[in-house]
Amino acid sequence: MRYIIKQLWEIKDIRQPLKTKHALEEILAISIVAMLCGADSISKIVQFAKLRERWLKKYLPLANGIAQVESMK
């Protein structure tokens, strides 16, 4: 997991900084892990993240919590 996160920090975030609340790396890491565990939609990715938030916090800062469905789109 740590290797995946390290690689994700290398991806340039082209979003407008003042319009983002959640780090791109966090959104990507959560999405990858959730899809590997069988999530097949954005709502299921968010549901996965909420159910496993404590575990995810071992690897990700999640300073603003889990992103909502609209933020993941």
N, C-alpha and C. Protein backbone atom coordinates (compact mmCIF):
# COMPACT_ATOMS: atom_id res chain seq x y z
N MET A 1 0.83 -1.20 0.00
CA MET A 1 0.00 0.00 0.00
C MET A 1 0.87 1.26 0.00
N ARG A 2 1.91 1.25 0.80
CA ARG A 2 2.76 2.44 0.87
C ARG A 2 3.44 2.72 -0.47
N TYR A 3 3.80 1.67 -1.20
CA TYR A 3 4.43 1.84 -2.51
C TYR A 3 3.45 2.51 -3.48
N ILE A 4 2.22 2.07 -3.47
CA ILE A 4 1.21 2.65 -4.36
C ILE A 4 1.03 4.13 -4.03
N ILE A 5 0.91 4.45 -2.78
CA ILE A 5 0.71 5.85 -2.37
C ILE A 5 1.91 6.70 -2.77
N LYS A 6 3.11 6.17 -2.58
CA LYS A 6 4.31 6.91 -2.96
C LYS A 6 4.28 7.23 -4.45
N GLN A 7 3.87 6.29 -5.26
CA GLN A 7 3.81 6.51 -6.70
C GLN A 7 2.72 7.53 -7.06
N LEU A 8 1.62 7.51 -6.35
CA LEU A 8 0.53 8.44 -6.63
C LEU A 8 0.92 9.89 -6.34
N TRP A 9 1.82 10.11 -5.38
CA TRP A 9 2.26 11.47 -5.06
C TRP A 9 3.06 12.07 -6.22
N GLU A 10 3.50 11.24 -7.15
CA GLU A 10 4.26 11.72 -8.31
C GLU A 10 3.35 12.28 -9.40
N ILE A 11 2.07 12.00 -9.35
CA ILE A 11 1.12 12.47 -10.36
C ILE A 11 0.81 13.94 -10.11
N LYS A 12 0.94 14.75 -11.16
CA LYS A 12 0.68 16.17 -11.03
C LYS A 12 -0.83 16.42 -10.98
N ASP A 13 -1.24 17.18 -9.99
CA ASP A 13 -2.65 17.53 -9.82
C ASP A 13 -2.91 18.84 -10.56
N ILE A 14 -3.70 18.77 -11.63
CA ILE A 14 -3.95 19.96 -12.44
C ILE A 14 -5.24 20.68 -12.06
N ARG A 15 -5.87 20.22 -10.99
CA ARG A 15 -7.10 20.88 -10.53
C ARG A 15 -6.78 22.24 -9.94
N GLN A 16 -7.76 23.12 -9.89
CA GLN A 16 -7.58 24.44 -9.31
C GLN A 16 -7.48 24.30 -7.79
N PRO A 17 -6.35 24.70 -7.20
CA PRO A 17 -6.12 24.49 -5.76
C PRO A 17 -7.21 25.03 -4.84
N LEU A 18 -7.78 26.17 -5.16
CA LEU A 18 -8.79 26.75 -4.27
C LEU A 18 -10.14 26.05 -4.36
N LYS A 19 -10.29 25.18 -5.35
CA LYS A 19 -11.55 24.47 -5.53
C LYS A 19 -11.46 23.00 -5.11
N THR A 20 -10.36 22.63 -4.48
CA THR A 20 -10.19 21.24 -4.06
C THR A 20 -10.10 21.14 -2.55
N LYS A 21 -10.74 20.15 -2.02
CA LYS A 21 -10.74 19.91 -0.58
C LYS A 21 -9.95 18.64 -0.24
N HIS A 22 -9.94 17.68 -1.17
CA HIS A 22 -9.29 16.40 -0.94
C HIS A 22 -8.11 16.23 -1.88
N ALA A 23 -7.02 15.69 -1.35
CA ALA A 23 -5.82 15.48 -2.15
C ALA A 23 -6.09 14.45 -3.25
N LEU A 24 -5.59 14.73 -4.44
CA LEU A 24 -5.76 13.82 -5.57
C LEU A 24 -5.21 12.44 -5.23
N GLU A 25 -4.09 12.41 -4.54
CA GLU A 25 -3.46 11.14 -4.16
C GLU A 25 -4.38 10.29 -3.30
N GLU A 26 -5.10 10.95 -2.39
CA GLU A 26 -6.03 10.23 -1.53
C GLU A 26 -7.20 9.66 -2.34
N ILE A 27 -7.75 10.47 -3.23
CA ILE A 27 -8.87 10.02 -4.06
C ILE A 27 -8.44 8.84 -4.93
N LEU A 28 -7.26 8.94 -5.54
CA LEU A 28 -6.78 7.85 -6.40
C LEU A 28 -6.49 6.58 -5.59
N ALA A 29 -5.83 6.74 -4.45
CA ALA A 29 -5.49 5.57 -3.62
C ALA A 29 -6.76 4.86 -3.15
N ILE A 30 -7.71 5.61 -2.68
CA ILE A 30 -8.98 5.03 -2.22
C ILE A 30 -9.68 4.33 -3.37
N SER A 31 -9.70 4.96 -4.52
CA SER A 31 -10.36 4.37 -5.70
C SER A 31 -9.70 3.06 -6.11
N ILE A 32 -8.39 3.04 -6.15
CA ILE A 32 -7.67 1.82 -6.55
C ILE A 32 -7.94 0.68 -5.58
N VAL A 33 -7.79 0.96 -4.30
CA VAL A 33 -8.00 -0.09 -3.29
C VAL A 33 -9.44 -0.59 -3.32
N ALA A 34 -10.39 0.33 -3.41
CA ALA A 34 -11.80 -0.06 -3.44
C ALA A 34 -12.11 -0.92 -4.67
N MET A 35 -11.57 -0.54 -5.82
CA MET A 35 -11.83 -1.33 -7.03
C MET A 35 -11.18 -2.71 -6.94
N LEU A 36 -10.01 -2.79 -6.34
CA LEU A 36 -9.37 -4.09 -6.13
C LEU A 36 -10.20 -4.98 -5.21
N CYS A 37 -10.99 -4.35 -4.36
CA CYS A 37 -11.86 -5.08 -3.44
C CYS A 37 -13.27 -5.28 -3.99
N GLY A 38 -13.49 -4.90 -5.24
CA GLY A 38 -14.75 -5.19 -5.88
C GLY A 38 -15.71 -4.03 -6.11
N ALA A 39 -15.34 -2.83 -5.68
CA ALA A 39 -16.23 -1.68 -5.93
C ALA A 39 -16.27 -1.40 -7.42
N ASP A 40 -17.48 -1.22 -7.94
CA ASP A 40 -17.61 -1.01 -9.38
C ASP A 40 -18.36 0.27 -9.75
N SER A 41 -18.46 1.18 -8.79
CA SER A 41 -19.07 2.48 -9.06
C SER A 41 -18.51 3.48 -8.05
N ILE A 42 -18.71 4.75 -8.36
CA ILE A 42 -18.21 5.79 -7.45
C ILE A 42 -18.90 5.70 -6.09
N SER A 43 -20.19 5.45 -6.08
CA SER A 43 -20.89 5.36 -4.80
C SER A 43 -20.37 4.19 -3.96
N LYS A 44 -20.02 3.10 -4.62
CA LYS A 44 -19.47 1.95 -3.88
C LYS A 44 -18.05 2.23 -3.39
N ILE A 45 -17.30 3.03 -4.14
CA ILE A 45 -15.96 3.43 -3.69
C ILE A 45 -16.07 4.26 -2.43
N VAL A 46 -17.00 5.21 -2.42
CA VAL A 46 -17.20 6.07 -1.24
C VAL A 46 -17.69 5.23 -0.06
N GLN A 47 -18.61 4.32 -0.31
CA GLN A 47 -19.12 3.44 0.74
C GLN A 47 -17.98 2.60 1.32
N PHE A 48 -17.14 2.03 0.46
CA PHE A 48 -15.97 1.26 0.90
C PHE A 48 -15.08 2.12 1.80
N ALA A 49 -14.80 3.35 1.35
CA ALA A 49 -13.92 4.24 2.11
C ALA A 49 -14.49 4.58 3.48
N LYS A 50 -15.77 4.84 3.54
CA LYS A 50 -16.40 5.18 4.82
C LYS A 50 -16.36 4.00 5.79
N LEU A 51 -16.56 2.80 5.27
CA LEU A 51 -16.53 1.61 6.12
C LEU A 51 -15.12 1.28 6.61
N ARG A 52 -14.12 1.70 5.85
CA ARG A 52 -12.74 1.36 6.18
C ARG A 52 -11.88 2.59 6.46
N GLU A 53 -12.52 3.64 6.90
CA GLU A 53 -11.82 4.91 7.14
C GLU A 53 -10.67 4.76 8.14
N ARG A 54 -10.89 4.05 9.20
CA ARG A 54 -9.84 3.89 10.22
C ARG A 54 -8.60 3.21 9.62
N TRP A 55 -8.81 2.18 8.81
CA TRP A 55 -7.70 1.49 8.16
C TRP A 55 -7.00 2.41 7.16
N LEU A 56 -7.77 3.15 6.38
CA LEU A 56 -7.20 4.05 5.38
C LEU A 56 -6.35 5.14 6.03
N LYS A 57 -6.74 5.57 7.23
CA LYS A 57 -5.98 6.62 7.93
C LYS A 57 -4.60 6.15 8.37
N LYS A 58 -4.36 4.86 8.36
CA LYS A 58 -3.02 4.35 8.65
C LYS A 58 -2.05 4.71 7.52
N TYR A 59 -2.59 4.93 6.33
CA TYR A 59 -1.77 5.16 5.14
C TYR A 59 -1.95 6.53 4.52
N LEU A 60 -3.10 7.16 4.76
CA LEU A 60 -3.42 8.44 4.14
C LEU A 60 -3.77 9.46 5.21
N PRO A 61 -3.39 10.73 5.02
CA PRO A 61 -3.73 11.75 6.02
C PRO A 61 -5.24 11.95 6.21
N LEU A 62 -5.99 11.96 5.12
CA LEU A 62 -7.44 12.18 5.16
C LEU A 62 -7.80 13.36 6.06
N ALA A 63 -7.07 14.46 5.89
CA ALA A 63 -7.28 15.66 6.71
C ALA A 63 -8.70 16.18 6.62
N ASN A 64 -9.34 16.00 5.47
CA ASN A 64 -10.72 16.47 5.30
C ASN A 64 -11.70 15.31 5.23
N GLY A 65 -11.32 14.18 5.76
CA GLY A 65 -12.20 13.02 5.79
C GLY A 65 -12.31 12.34 4.43
N ILE A 66 -13.34 11.56 4.27
CA ILE A 66 -13.58 10.83 3.03
C ILE A 66 -14.34 11.74 2.06
N ALA A 67 -13.86 11.78 0.83
CA ALA A 67 -14.52 12.59 -0.20
C ALA A 67 -15.92 12.04 -0.49
N GLN A 68 -16.84 12.92 -0.76
CA GLN A 68 -18.19 12.54 -1.13
C GLN A 68 -18.23 12.14 -2.61
N VAL A 69 -19.33 11.58 -3.02
CA VAL A 69 -19.49 11.10 -4.41
C VAL A 69 -19.19 12.22 -5.40
N GLU A 70 -19.69 13.42 -5.15
CA GLU A 70 -19.48 14.53 -6.08
C GLU A 70 -18.01 14.89 -6.22
N SER A 71 -17.24 14.77 -5.15
CA SER A 71 -15.81 15.07 -5.20
C SER A 71 -15.04 14.00 -5.95
N MET A 72 -15.55 12.79 -5.94
CA MET A 72 -14.86 11.69 -6.61
C MET A 72 -15.06 11.70 -8.12
N LYS A 73 -16.10 12.39 -8.59
CA LYS A 73 -16.41 12.38 -10.03
C LYS A 73 -15.36 13.09 -10.84
